[in-house]
């Protein structure tokens, strides 16, 4: 498939000073949630999460985007959710009585299940506004509702998805280009696919020593700084059945995976592998590691979603700010019907708050420049 053409009006990148402000932002800052695709279930689950805020201890958040979209969806769903335009500094104080909305971008005319030409500008305006609040320190972390890639591509969006766009925005701020790593986290299992949305036939070619080493470094660092695990244990899956059977079922595990694991261990990272993936996800095996690193998307996302479909959270590691998202898509077929389950979004909000507080506490111990030093040591893998 041809790459989509670049957006004719790229948004300005956050400045290094803005990202520095984020690193010293107040602990009381709320979370900011992007609206996502207005024709999808993003508005539904944002409203539902606020409605359940007390029952499931949802931390204060505000939605960046079109207030009218949320108001119309609340009416359609029959939800008595009051909405209030608010600045981030007001959000926590207003959250108990109304869902705070930070107005951003053009109005959307898309209706549930039917994206239109207004969808992509609405999505991008919401995302940029939310990113600006996080990088300025006015919000503690970014939580993103799903977008529809096909809709964004048709409008000229030049990135595979949220993750790559956010990484590019951070790189444009003058910092070393961050290498984003996708993690699916739940209380039962945390997994990272080393390669993500590519055809299986391309996996062996893209699975390099440099990719695995850099992925392992980023995972280990963020598990310490954001998840509070002093010595995270990383289990690397083999690419081939039985982790290659000592090279008899393919050479990649011996020639690529094993040397990368050995390099990480020389750096003091507790990494093991390559390990047979078919025996890595039962309870006894899961007790032996903190994160399973897979060689391709479905190798680790199938067990993650089987074990904790509604509790799974997509976390982007390697960025200079915290970003989580629900582990599902736009679900056009059920948008506006009241059938969308907000569990994954609520889990994403709770995890974002936990990570922001943990990183803030560690930063206060280390000093304000530690995060920038960490970022400066990381390079994009070849």
Protein backbone atom coordinates (compact mmCIF):
# COMPACT_ATOMS: atom_id res chain seq x y z
CA UNK A 1 0.00 0.00 0.00
CA UNK A 2 1.33 3.42 -0.90
CA UNK A 3 2.17 5.68 2.00
CA UNK A 4 -0.37 8.44 2.53
CA UNK A 5 0.66 11.90 1.38
CA UNK A 6 1.98 14.31 4.02
CA UNK A 7 -0.48 16.57 5.78
CA UNK A 8 -0.52 19.98 4.07
CA UNK A 9 -0.76 21.78 7.43
CA UNK A 10 1.54 20.10 9.96
CA UNK A 11 1.03 21.25 13.51
CA UNK A 12 3.86 23.11 15.24
CA UNK A 13 5.99 20.92 17.46
CA UNK A 14 6.29 21.48 21.20
CA UNK A 15 9.45 23.33 22.13
CA UNK A 16 12.26 21.89 24.28
CA UNK A 17 11.22 24.36 26.97
CA UNK A 18 7.68 23.00 26.87
CA UNK A 19 8.90 19.43 27.26
CA UNK A 20 11.09 20.56 30.15
CA UNK A 21 8.02 22.09 31.76
CA UNK A 22 6.28 18.74 31.44
CA UNK A 23 9.12 17.03 33.26
CA UNK A 24 8.63 19.33 36.23
CA UNK A 25 4.83 19.60 36.02
CA UNK A 26 2.73 19.58 39.18
CA UNK A 27 1.49 16.30 40.61
CA UNK A 28 -2.00 17.79 40.81
CA UNK A 29 -2.22 18.23 37.04
CA UNK A 30 -5.09 16.19 35.54
CA UNK A 31 -4.92 13.64 32.77
CA UNK A 32 -5.94 14.77 29.29
CA UNK A 33 -7.94 12.51 26.98
CA UNK A 34 -8.08 13.02 23.23
CA UNK A 35 -11.51 12.67 21.65
CA UNK A 36 -10.45 10.18 19.00
CA UNK A 37 -12.56 9.46 15.92
CA UNK A 38 -15.84 11.34 16.53
CA UNK A 39 -17.85 8.69 14.64
CA UNK A 40 -16.40 5.89 16.78
CA UNK A 41 -16.88 4.89 20.39
CA UNK A 42 -14.38 7.40 21.78
CA UNK A 43 -17.10 9.86 22.84
CA UNK A 44 -19.21 6.98 24.24
CA UNK A 45 -16.51 5.60 26.50
CA UNK A 46 -15.32 9.05 27.61
CA UNK A 47 -18.84 9.83 28.81
CA UNK A 48 -19.27 6.38 30.36
CA UNK A 49 -15.93 6.62 32.19
CA UNK A 50 -16.97 9.90 33.78
CA UNK A 51 -20.38 8.47 34.71
CA UNK A 52 -18.63 5.61 36.56
CA UNK A 53 -15.93 7.80 38.10
CA UNK A 54 -16.87 7.16 41.71
CA UNK A 55 -17.71 3.47 41.44
CA UNK A 56 -14.39 2.50 39.87
CA UNK A 57 -12.14 5.34 41.08
CA UNK A 58 -11.45 7.01 37.75
CA UNK A 59 -8.85 9.77 38.27
CA UNK A 60 -9.73 13.32 37.17
CA UNK A 61 -9.35 13.93 33.44
CA UNK A 62 -10.48 16.41 30.86
CA UNK A 63 -11.31 15.78 27.22
CA UNK A 64 -9.60 17.88 24.57
CA UNK A 65 -11.95 18.35 21.64
CA UNK A 66 -15.39 19.32 20.42
CA UNK A 67 -17.82 19.80 23.29
CA UNK A 68 -20.79 19.62 20.90
CA UNK A 69 -19.83 16.09 19.80
CA UNK A 70 -19.86 14.93 23.41
CA UNK A 71 -23.14 16.70 24.14
CA UNK A 72 -24.84 15.16 21.12
CA UNK A 73 -23.55 11.68 21.98
CA UNK A 74 -24.70 12.01 25.59
CA UNK A 75 -28.20 12.86 24.37
CA UNK A 76 -28.20 9.93 21.96
CA UNK A 77 -27.06 7.54 24.69
CA UNK A 78 -29.45 8.95 27.27
CA UNK A 79 -26.57 9.72 29.64
CA UNK A 80 -27.04 12.54 32.13
CA UNK A 81 -23.44 13.74 31.88
CA UNK A 82 -23.08 17.49 32.39
CA UNK A 83 -20.25 19.05 30.39
CA UNK A 84 -18.27 22.16 31.23
CA UNK A 85 -15.62 24.03 29.21
CA UNK A 86 -12.60 24.18 31.48
CA UNK A 87 -8.89 24.83 31.59
CA UNK A 88 -6.68 22.04 32.96
CA UNK A 89 -6.12 24.01 36.16
CA UNK A 90 -9.89 23.87 36.80
CA UNK A 91 -10.44 20.24 35.81
CA UNK A 92 -9.85 18.49 39.13
CA UNK A 93 -12.11 20.88 40.98
CA UNK A 94 -14.92 20.54 38.44
CA UNK A 95 -14.59 16.78 37.82
CA UNK A 96 -16.96 15.75 40.57
CA UNK A 97 -19.85 17.73 39.10
CA UNK A 98 -19.23 17.72 35.35
CA UNK A 99 -16.96 16.29 32.65
CA UNK A 100 -14.39 19.02 31.91
CA UNK A 101 -13.78 19.73 28.22
CA UNK A 102 -10.87 21.72 26.82
CA UNK A 103 -12.39 23.09 23.58
CA UNK A 104 -10.20 22.36 20.59
CA UNK A 105 -10.50 22.27 16.85
CA UNK A 106 -13.28 22.46 14.31
CA UNK A 107 -16.73 21.07 14.93
CA UNK A 108 -17.32 17.57 13.65
CA UNK A 109 -20.36 16.65 11.58
CA UNK A 110 -19.65 12.91 11.60
CA UNK A 111 -22.39 10.78 13.15
CA UNK A 112 -21.95 7.48 15.02
CA UNK A 113 -20.63 4.83 12.66
CA UNK A 114 -20.34 7.28 9.76
CA UNK A 115 -17.04 9.18 9.61
CA UNK A 116 -16.93 12.07 7.16
CA UNK A 117 -14.60 14.82 5.99
CA UNK A 118 -14.78 16.50 9.40
CA UNK A 119 -13.42 13.47 11.21
CA UNK A 120 -9.68 13.80 10.54
CA UNK A 121 -9.40 17.53 11.32
CA UNK A 122 -11.34 16.96 14.53
CA UNK A 123 -9.09 14.05 15.54
CA UNK A 124 -5.88 15.92 14.81
CA UNK A 125 -6.97 19.14 16.53
CA UNK A 126 -7.92 17.19 19.64
CA UNK A 127 -4.66 15.25 19.64
CA UNK A 128 -2.53 18.35 19.15
CA UNK A 129 -4.35 20.24 21.90
CA UNK A 130 -3.94 17.31 24.29
CA UNK A 131 -0.25 16.97 23.41
CA UNK A 132 0.26 20.68 24.02
CA UNK A 133 -1.26 20.40 27.49
CA UNK A 134 1.01 17.49 28.39
CA UNK A 135 4.23 18.98 27.05
CA UNK A 136 3.54 22.29 28.79
CA UNK A 137 3.04 20.57 32.14
CA UNK A 138 -0.63 21.55 32.35
CA UNK A 139 -1.63 17.89 32.13
CA UNK A 140 0.17 14.98 33.77
CA UNK A 141 -0.22 12.38 31.01
CA UNK A 142 -1.86 11.82 27.64
CA UNK A 143 -4.55 9.20 27.09
CA UNK A 144 -5.67 8.75 23.48
CA UNK A 145 -9.01 7.50 22.26
CA UNK A 146 -8.94 5.39 19.07
CA UNK A 147 -8.64 6.90 15.61
CA UNK A 148 -9.53 5.26 12.29
CA UNK A 149 -6.36 4.88 10.27
CA UNK A 150 -8.15 4.62 6.92
CA UNK A 151 -10.03 7.87 7.60
CA UNK A 152 -6.84 9.65 8.62
CA UNK A 153 -4.87 8.33 5.64
CA UNK A 154 -7.54 9.54 3.23
CA UNK A 155 -7.18 13.03 4.70
CA UNK A 156 -3.40 13.06 4.22
CA UNK A 157 -2.18 11.84 7.61
CA UNK A 158 1.40 10.75 6.93
CA UNK A 159 2.00 8.45 9.91
CA UNK A 160 1.05 4.80 10.55
CA UNK A 161 -0.80 5.78 13.74
CA UNK A 162 -0.84 7.71 17.00
CA UNK A 163 2.48 6.33 18.21
CA UNK A 164 4.57 7.39 15.24
CA UNK A 165 2.92 10.81 15.11
CA UNK A 166 3.66 11.50 18.77
CA UNK A 167 7.26 10.33 18.36
CA UNK A 168 7.71 12.61 15.36
CA UNK A 169 6.31 15.56 17.29
CA UNK A 170 8.74 14.91 20.13
CA UNK A 171 11.64 14.59 17.69
CA UNK A 172 10.72 17.87 16.03
CA UNK A 173 11.11 19.63 19.37
CA UNK A 174 14.90 19.41 19.05
CA UNK A 175 15.38 16.35 21.24
CA UNK A 176 17.03 13.15 20.00
CA UNK A 177 14.44 11.19 18.05
CA UNK A 178 12.71 8.88 20.54
CA UNK A 179 12.12 5.30 19.48
CA UNK A 180 8.57 4.44 20.56
CA UNK A 181 7.92 0.97 21.92
CA UNK A 182 4.42 -0.45 22.17
CA UNK A 183 3.48 -2.31 25.35
CA UNK A 184 0.17 -3.98 26.15
CA UNK A 185 -0.15 -4.00 29.92
CA UNK A 186 -2.66 -5.65 32.25
CA UNK A 187 -2.45 -6.83 35.86
CA UNK A 188 -1.92 -10.37 34.52
CA UNK A 189 0.58 -9.83 31.73
CA UNK A 190 2.74 -7.16 30.09
CA UNK A 191 3.98 -7.74 26.55
CA UNK A 192 5.98 -5.86 23.93
CA UNK A 193 6.04 -6.80 20.23
CA UNK A 194 9.45 -5.95 18.77
CA UNK A 195 7.90 -5.59 15.32
CA UNK A 196 4.35 -4.32 15.09
CA UNK A 197 2.09 -3.66 12.12
CA UNK A 198 3.98 -5.32 9.28
CA UNK A 199 3.27 -8.43 7.18
CA UNK A 200 4.65 -11.65 8.60
CA UNK A 201 6.83 -12.13 5.54
CA UNK A 202 8.73 -8.96 6.51
CA UNK A 203 9.36 -9.91 10.14
CA UNK A 204 12.66 -11.83 9.71
CA UNK A 205 14.15 -8.99 7.67
CA UNK A 206 13.15 -6.28 10.14
CA UNK A 207 14.07 -8.30 13.23
CA UNK A 208 17.62 -7.07 13.79
CA UNK A 209 20.11 -7.19 16.64
CA UNK A 210 19.98 -3.39 16.98
CA UNK A 211 16.17 -3.36 17.12
CA UNK A 212 16.04 -5.96 19.90
CA UNK A 213 18.80 -4.34 21.96
CA UNK A 214 17.24 -0.89 21.77
CA UNK A 215 13.78 -2.26 22.51
CA UNK A 216 15.13 -4.08 25.56
CA UNK A 217 16.88 -0.96 26.82
CA UNK A 218 13.76 1.18 26.53
CA UNK A 219 11.56 -1.43 28.18
CA UNK A 220 13.98 -1.89 31.06
CA UNK A 221 14.39 1.86 31.61
CA UNK A 222 10.67 2.64 31.60
CA UNK A 223 9.81 -0.31 33.81
CA UNK A 224 12.16 1.19 36.38
CA UNK A 225 11.24 4.87 36.01
CA UNK A 226 7.51 4.55 35.41
CA UNK A 227 6.45 1.17 36.77
CA UNK A 228 8.74 1.22 39.80
CA UNK A 229 10.31 -2.21 39.22
CA UNK A 230 13.92 -1.97 40.40
CA UNK A 231 15.23 -4.89 38.31
CA UNK A 232 12.73 -5.71 35.58
CA UNK A 233 12.91 -9.22 34.13
CA UNK A 234 12.55 -9.40 30.34
CA UNK A 235 11.70 -12.70 28.63
CA UNK A 236 12.42 -12.74 24.89
CA UNK A 237 10.37 -15.10 22.76
CA UNK A 238 11.99 -17.04 20.00
CA UNK A 239 10.88 -16.27 16.47
CA UNK A 240 10.61 -19.87 15.35
CA UNK A 241 8.83 -22.87 16.88
CA UNK A 242 10.67 -24.14 19.97
CA UNK A 243 12.92 -21.06 19.72
CA UNK A 244 14.57 -22.58 16.67
CA UNK A 245 15.67 -25.90 18.23
CA UNK A 246 19.34 -24.83 18.33
CA UNK A 247 19.22 -23.56 14.76
CA UNK A 248 17.52 -26.57 13.18
CA UNK A 249 14.22 -24.66 12.73
CA UNK A 250 15.62 -21.39 11.45
CA UNK A 251 18.72 -19.34 12.16
CA UNK A 252 17.18 -16.12 13.52
CA UNK A 253 16.99 -17.18 17.14
CA UNK A 254 20.66 -18.14 17.34
CA UNK A 255 21.99 -15.38 15.09
CA UNK A 256 19.82 -12.43 16.15
CA UNK A 257 17.80 -13.00 19.32
CA UNK A 258 20.40 -14.76 21.47
CA UNK A 259 23.20 -12.22 20.79
CA UNK A 260 20.82 -9.33 21.54
CA UNK A 261 19.82 -10.90 24.85
CA UNK A 262 23.49 -11.47 25.70
CA UNK A 263 24.26 -7.79 24.97
CA UNK A 264 21.45 -6.65 27.27
CA UNK A 265 22.74 -8.89 30.03
CA UNK A 266 26.22 -7.38 29.66
CA UNK A 267 24.58 -3.99 30.28
CA UNK A 268 23.10 -5.28 33.54
CA UNK A 269 19.57 -5.85 32.22
CA UNK A 270 17.95 -9.06 33.42
CA UNK A 271 17.02 -10.56 30.06
CA UNK A 272 16.49 -14.20 29.10
CA UNK A 273 15.87 -15.92 25.79
CA UNK A 274 15.17 -16.90 23.17
CA UNK A 275 12.38 -18.89 24.84
CA UNK A 276 9.71 -21.05 23.19
CA UNK A 277 6.62 -18.84 22.96
CA UNK A 278 4.15 -21.71 23.24
CA UNK A 279 5.11 -22.35 26.88
CA UNK A 280 5.69 -18.76 27.99
CA UNK A 281 2.20 -17.61 28.97
CA UNK A 282 0.82 -20.12 31.48
CA UNK A 283 0.70 -18.93 35.12
CA UNK A 284 3.91 -20.62 36.28
CA UNK A 285 5.88 -19.18 33.36
CA UNK A 286 4.43 -15.68 33.81
CA UNK A 287 5.66 -15.66 37.41
CA UNK A 288 9.23 -15.71 36.09
CA UNK A 289 9.25 -12.39 34.21
CA UNK A 290 7.82 -8.87 34.22
CA UNK A 291 7.59 -8.31 30.45
CA UNK A 292 7.49 -10.74 27.55
CA UNK A 293 9.10 -9.38 24.39
CA UNK A 294 7.69 -10.98 21.27
CA UNK A 295 9.17 -11.03 17.81
CA UNK A 296 5.93 -10.14 16.03
CA UNK A 297 2.53 -8.66 16.79
CA UNK A 298 0.24 -11.66 17.27
CA UNK A 299 2.84 -13.74 19.10
CA UNK A 300 2.28 -11.69 22.25
CA UNK A 301 -0.96 -9.78 21.65
CA UNK A 302 -3.04 -12.96 21.34
CA UNK A 303 -2.17 -14.15 24.86
CA UNK A 304 -2.41 -10.60 26.26
CA UNK A 305 -5.91 -10.05 24.87
CA UNK A 306 -7.06 -13.55 25.73
CA UNK A 307 -6.08 -13.14 29.36
CA UNK A 308 -7.27 -9.55 29.89
CA UNK A 309 -9.22 -8.20 26.94
CA UNK A 310 -11.19 -5.57 28.87
CA UNK A 311 -8.37 -4.64 31.24
CA UNK A 312 -5.59 -4.31 28.66
CA UNK A 313 -3.91 -0.93 28.17
CA UNK A 314 -1.70 0.19 25.30
CA UNK A 315 1.31 2.04 26.75
CA UNK A 316 3.87 3.79 24.58
CA UNK A 317 7.32 3.48 26.10
CA UNK A 318 10.27 5.60 25.03
CA UNK A 319 8.48 8.93 24.72
CA UNK A 320 9.42 11.96 26.85
CA UNK A 321 5.87 12.01 28.20
CA UNK A 322 3.40 9.36 29.35
CA UNK A 323 0.88 8.07 26.83
CA UNK A 324 -1.65 5.29 27.30
CA UNK A 325 -4.73 4.27 25.34
CA UNK A 326 -7.49 1.68 25.46
CA UNK A 327 -6.54 -1.54 23.75
CA UNK A 328 -9.24 -1.51 21.07
CA UNK A 329 -10.31 0.38 17.98
CA UNK A 330 -13.10 2.73 16.93
CA UNK A 331 -15.83 0.03 16.86
CA UNK A 332 -17.98 1.94 14.37
CA UNK A 333 -20.63 -0.80 14.45
CA UNK A 334 -21.58 -0.10 18.06
CA UNK A 335 -20.88 3.65 18.29
CA UNK A 336 -23.86 5.48 19.73
CA UNK A 337 -25.67 2.28 20.76
CA UNK A 338 -24.72 2.19 24.45
CA UNK A 339 -22.96 -1.15 24.01
CA UNK A 340 -19.37 0.14 24.18
CA UNK A 341 -17.52 -1.08 27.26
CA UNK A 342 -15.38 1.67 28.86
CA UNK A 343 -13.31 -0.79 30.94
CA UNK A 344 -10.15 -0.52 28.85
CA UNK A 345 -10.33 3.28 28.81
CA UNK A 346 -10.82 3.40 32.57
CA UNK A 347 -7.83 1.08 32.97
CA UNK A 348 -5.80 3.37 30.67
CA UNK A 349 -6.74 6.40 32.77
CA UNK A 350 -5.86 4.68 36.04
CA UNK A 351 -2.54 3.42 34.68
CA UNK A 352 -1.64 6.84 33.27
CA UNK A 353 -2.21 8.39 36.68
CA UNK A 354 -0.12 5.69 38.36
CA UNK A 355 2.77 6.13 35.91
CA UNK A 356 2.69 9.91 36.15
CA UNK A 357 2.81 9.84 39.93
CA UNK A 358 5.57 7.21 39.99
CA UNK A 359 7.74 9.09 37.50
CA UNK A 360 7.16 12.36 39.33
CA UNK A 361 8.24 10.82 42.63
CA UNK A 362 11.39 9.32 41.13
CA UNK A 363 12.20 12.54 39.32
CA UNK A 364 12.05 14.45 42.57
CA UNK A 365 14.64 12.06 43.99
CA UNK A 366 16.92 12.21 40.94
CA UNK A 367 16.73 15.93 40.17
CA UNK A 368 15.04 17.75 37.29
CA UNK A 369 17.63 16.97 34.60
CA UNK A 370 17.64 13.18 34.93
CA UNK A 371 14.94 12.54 32.33
CA UNK A 372 16.62 14.69 29.69
CA UNK A 373 19.90 12.84 30.33
CA UNK A 374 18.09 9.53 29.91
CA UNK A 375 16.52 10.66 26.63
CA UNK A 376 19.86 11.89 25.33
CA UNK A 377 21.44 8.45 25.76
CA UNK A 378 18.90 6.75 23.50
CA UNK A 379 19.32 6.43 19.75
CA UNK A 380 16.95 5.16 17.10
CA UNK A 381 17.95 1.63 16.10
CA UNK A 382 19.38 1.14 12.63
